[in-house]
């Protein structure tokens, strides 16, 4: 079996070909700069989301008593409506 001889020149060509698609330092710096901008945007979105979450929590806390109050008022109105119907029937104004 004959051994193929690898010359330094061929080896250098193979190595150079392997590095053809490698990013340069400038390419990497540009990517790093873009990612830094994206990080800032993500942080701003995260802060905005936190504020929205806090607002939703506050609304839920405030809505609890209001819902109970509305239910109580509906019960009072229903009771008063029934009483009014009875009074109207007794005085002859039944609908």
C-alpha atoms as a PDB file:
ATOM      1  CA  UNK A   1       0.000   0.000   0.000  1.00  0.00           C
ATOM      2  CA  UNK A   2       1.490   3.251  -1.075  1.00  0.00           C
ATOM      3  CA  UNK A   3       1.505   6.044   1.451  1.00  0.00           C
ATOM      4  CA  UNK A   4       0.347   9.392   0.219  1.00  0.00           C
ATOM      5  CA  UNK A   5       2.785  12.082   0.966  1.00  0.00           C
ATOM      6  CA  UNK A   6       1.367  15.222   2.444  1.00  0.00           C
ATOM      7  CA  UNK A   7       3.392  18.245   1.624  1.00  0.00           C
ATOM      8  CA  UNK A   8       3.452  21.276   3.826  1.00  0.00           C
ATOM      9  CA  UNK A   9       1.941  23.238   0.990  1.00  0.00           C
ATOM     10  CA  UNK A  10      -1.055  20.905   0.683  1.00  0.00           C
ATOM     11  CA  UNK A  11      -1.514  20.906   4.427  1.00  0.00           C
ATOM     12  CA  UNK A  12      -1.435  24.703   4.472  1.00  0.00           C
ATOM     13  CA  UNK A  13      -4.034  24.809   1.692  1.00  0.00           C
ATOM     14  CA  UNK A  14      -6.314  22.441   3.607  1.00  0.00           C
ATOM     15  CA  UNK A  15      -6.003  24.493   6.776  1.00  0.00           C
ATOM     16  CA  UNK A  16      -6.627  27.745   4.892  1.00  0.00           C
ATOM     17  CA  UNK A  17      -9.702  26.233   3.262  1.00  0.00           C
ATOM     18  CA  UNK A  18     -11.010  25.232   6.692  1.00  0.00           C
ATOM     19  CA  UNK A  19     -10.702  28.799   7.936  1.00  0.00           C
ATOM     20  CA  UNK A  20     -12.414  30.406   4.924  1.00  0.00           C
ATOM     21  CA  UNK A  21     -15.829  30.449   6.590  1.00  0.00           C
ATOM     22  CA  UNK A  22     -14.597  31.368  10.049  1.00  0.00           C
ATOM     23  CA  UNK A  23     -15.866  34.669  11.424  1.00  0.00           C
ATOM     24  CA  UNK A  24     -13.400  37.487  11.801  1.00  0.00           C
ATOM     25  CA  UNK A  25     -12.866  39.417  14.993  1.00  0.00           C
ATOM     26  CA  UNK A  26     -14.847  42.305  13.506  1.00  0.00           C
ATOM     27  CA  UNK A  27     -17.720  39.954  12.711  1.00  0.00           C
ATOM     28  CA  UNK A  28     -17.729  38.726  16.289  1.00  0.00           C
ATOM     29  CA  UNK A  29     -17.622  42.273  17.664  1.00  0.00           C
ATOM     30  CA  UNK A  30     -20.580  43.254  15.474  1.00  0.00           C
ATOM     31  CA  UNK A  31     -22.544  40.246  16.720  1.00  0.00           C
ATOM     32  CA  UNK A  32     -21.636  41.058  20.305  1.00  0.00           C
ATOM     33  CA  UNK A  33     -22.832  44.642  19.823  1.00  0.00           C
ATOM     34  CA  UNK A  34     -26.159  43.458  18.393  1.00  0.00           C
ATOM     35  CA  UNK A  35     -26.621  40.993  21.227  1.00  0.00           C
ATOM     36  CA  UNK A  36     -25.920  43.752  23.728  1.00  0.00           C
ATOM     37  CA  UNK A  37     -28.745  45.775  22.191  1.00  0.00           C
ATOM     38  CA  UNK A  38     -31.045  42.794  22.323  1.00  0.00           C
ATOM     39  CA  UNK A  39     -30.169  42.229  25.979  1.00  0.00           C
ATOM     40  CA  UNK A  40     -31.234  45.789  26.765  1.00  0.00           C
ATOM     41  CA  UNK A  41     -34.514  45.302  24.951  1.00  0.00           C
ATOM     42  CA  UNK A  42     -35.169  42.043  26.765  1.00  0.00           C
ATOM     43  CA  UNK A  43     -34.502  43.724  30.104  1.00  0.00           C
ATOM     44  CA  UNK A  44     -36.920  46.537  29.214  1.00  0.00           C
ATOM     45  CA  UNK A  45     -39.583  44.022  28.183  1.00  0.00           C
ATOM     46  CA  UNK A  46     -39.014  42.069  31.354  1.00  0.00           C
ATOM     47  CA  UNK A  47     -39.465  45.204  33.451  1.00  0.00           C
ATOM     48  CA  UNK A  48     -42.626  46.101  31.534  1.00  0.00           C
ATOM     49  CA  UNK A  49     -43.974  42.609  32.062  1.00  0.00           C
ATOM     50  CA  UNK A  50     -43.247  42.853  35.776  1.00  0.00           C
ATOM     51  CA  UNK A  51     -45.193  46.116  35.954  1.00  0.00           C
ATOM     52  CA  UNK A  52     -48.140  44.573  34.111  1.00  0.00           C
ATOM     53  CA  UNK A  53     -48.046  41.554  36.423  1.00  0.00           C
ATOM     54  CA  UNK A  54     -48.082  43.855  39.454  1.00  0.00           C
ATOM     55  CA  UNK A  55     -51.014  45.823  38.024  1.00  0.00           C
ATOM     56  CA  UNK A  56     -52.982  42.636  37.350  1.00  0.00           C
ATOM     57  CA  UNK A  57     -52.328  41.494  40.897  1.00  0.00           C
ATOM     58  CA  UNK A  58     -53.541  44.839  42.259  1.00  0.00           C
ATOM     59  CA  UNK A  59     -56.685  44.598  40.130  1.00  0.00           C
ATOM     60  CA  UNK A  60     -57.397  41.096  41.386  1.00  0.00           C
ATOM     61  CA  UNK A  61     -56.996  42.251  44.969  1.00  0.00           C
ATOM     62  CA  UNK A  62     -59.317  45.217  44.383  1.00  0.00           C
ATOM     63  CA  UNK A  63     -61.912  43.168  42.492  1.00  0.00           C
ATOM     64  CA  UNK A  64     -62.504  40.648  45.285  1.00  0.00           C
ATOM     65  CA  UNK A  65     -64.419  42.986  47.588  1.00  0.00           C
ATOM     66  CA  UNK A  66     -66.199  44.616  44.645  1.00  0.00           C
ATOM     67  CA  UNK A  67     -67.500  41.283  43.409  1.00  0.00           C
ATOM     68  CA  UNK A  68     -68.790  40.441  46.869  1.00  0.00           C
ATOM     69  CA  UNK A  69     -70.463  43.861  47.093  1.00  0.00           C
ATOM     70  CA  UNK A  70     -72.169  43.382  43.728  1.00  0.00           C
ATOM     71  CA  UNK A  71     -73.436  39.954  44.774  1.00  0.00           C
ATOM     72  CA  UNK A  72     -74.770  41.416  48.020  1.00  0.00           C
ATOM     73  CA  UNK A  73     -76.485  44.246  46.128  1.00  0.00           C
ATOM     74  CA  UNK A  74     -78.037  41.798  43.681  1.00  0.00           C
ATOM     75  CA  UNK A  75     -79.439  39.833  46.615  1.00  0.00           C
ATOM     76  CA  UNK A  76     -80.861  43.010  48.177  1.00  0.00           C
ATOM     77  CA  UNK A  77     -82.424  44.060  44.864  1.00  0.00           C
ATOM     78  CA  UNK A  78     -83.928  40.598  44.380  1.00  0.00           C
ATOM     79  CA  UNK A  79     -85.360  40.705  47.903  1.00  0.00           C
ATOM     80  CA  UNK A  80     -86.776  44.210  47.421  1.00  0.00           C
ATOM     81  CA  UNK A  81     -88.265  43.203  44.089  1.00  0.00           C
ATOM     82  CA  UNK A  82     -90.024  40.247  45.708  1.00  0.00           C
ATOM     83  CA  UNK A  83     -91.327  42.487  48.510  1.00  0.00           C
ATOM     84  CA  UNK A  84     -92.578  45.055  46.006  1.00  0.00           C
ATOM     85  CA  UNK A  85     -94.400  42.356  44.045  1.00  0.00           C
ATOM     86  CA  UNK A  86     -96.132  41.188  47.249  1.00  0.00           C
ATOM     87  CA  UNK A  87     -97.168  44.741  48.134  1.00  0.00           C
ATOM     88  CA  UNK A  88     -98.478  45.356  44.608  1.00  0.00           C
ATOM     89  CA  UNK A  89    -100.537  42.162  44.755  1.00  0.00           C
ATOM     90  CA  UNK A  90    -102.008  43.129  48.134  1.00  0.00           C
ATOM     91  CA  UNK A  91    -103.060  46.585  46.957  1.00  0.00           C
ATOM     92  CA  UNK A  92    -104.343  45.279  43.633  1.00  0.00           C
ATOM     93  CA  UNK A  93    -101.613  46.600  41.364  1.00  0.00           C
ATOM     94  CA  UNK A  94    -100.290  43.184  40.385  1.00  0.00           C
ATOM     95  CA  UNK A  95     -98.734  43.024  36.966  1.00  0.00           C
END
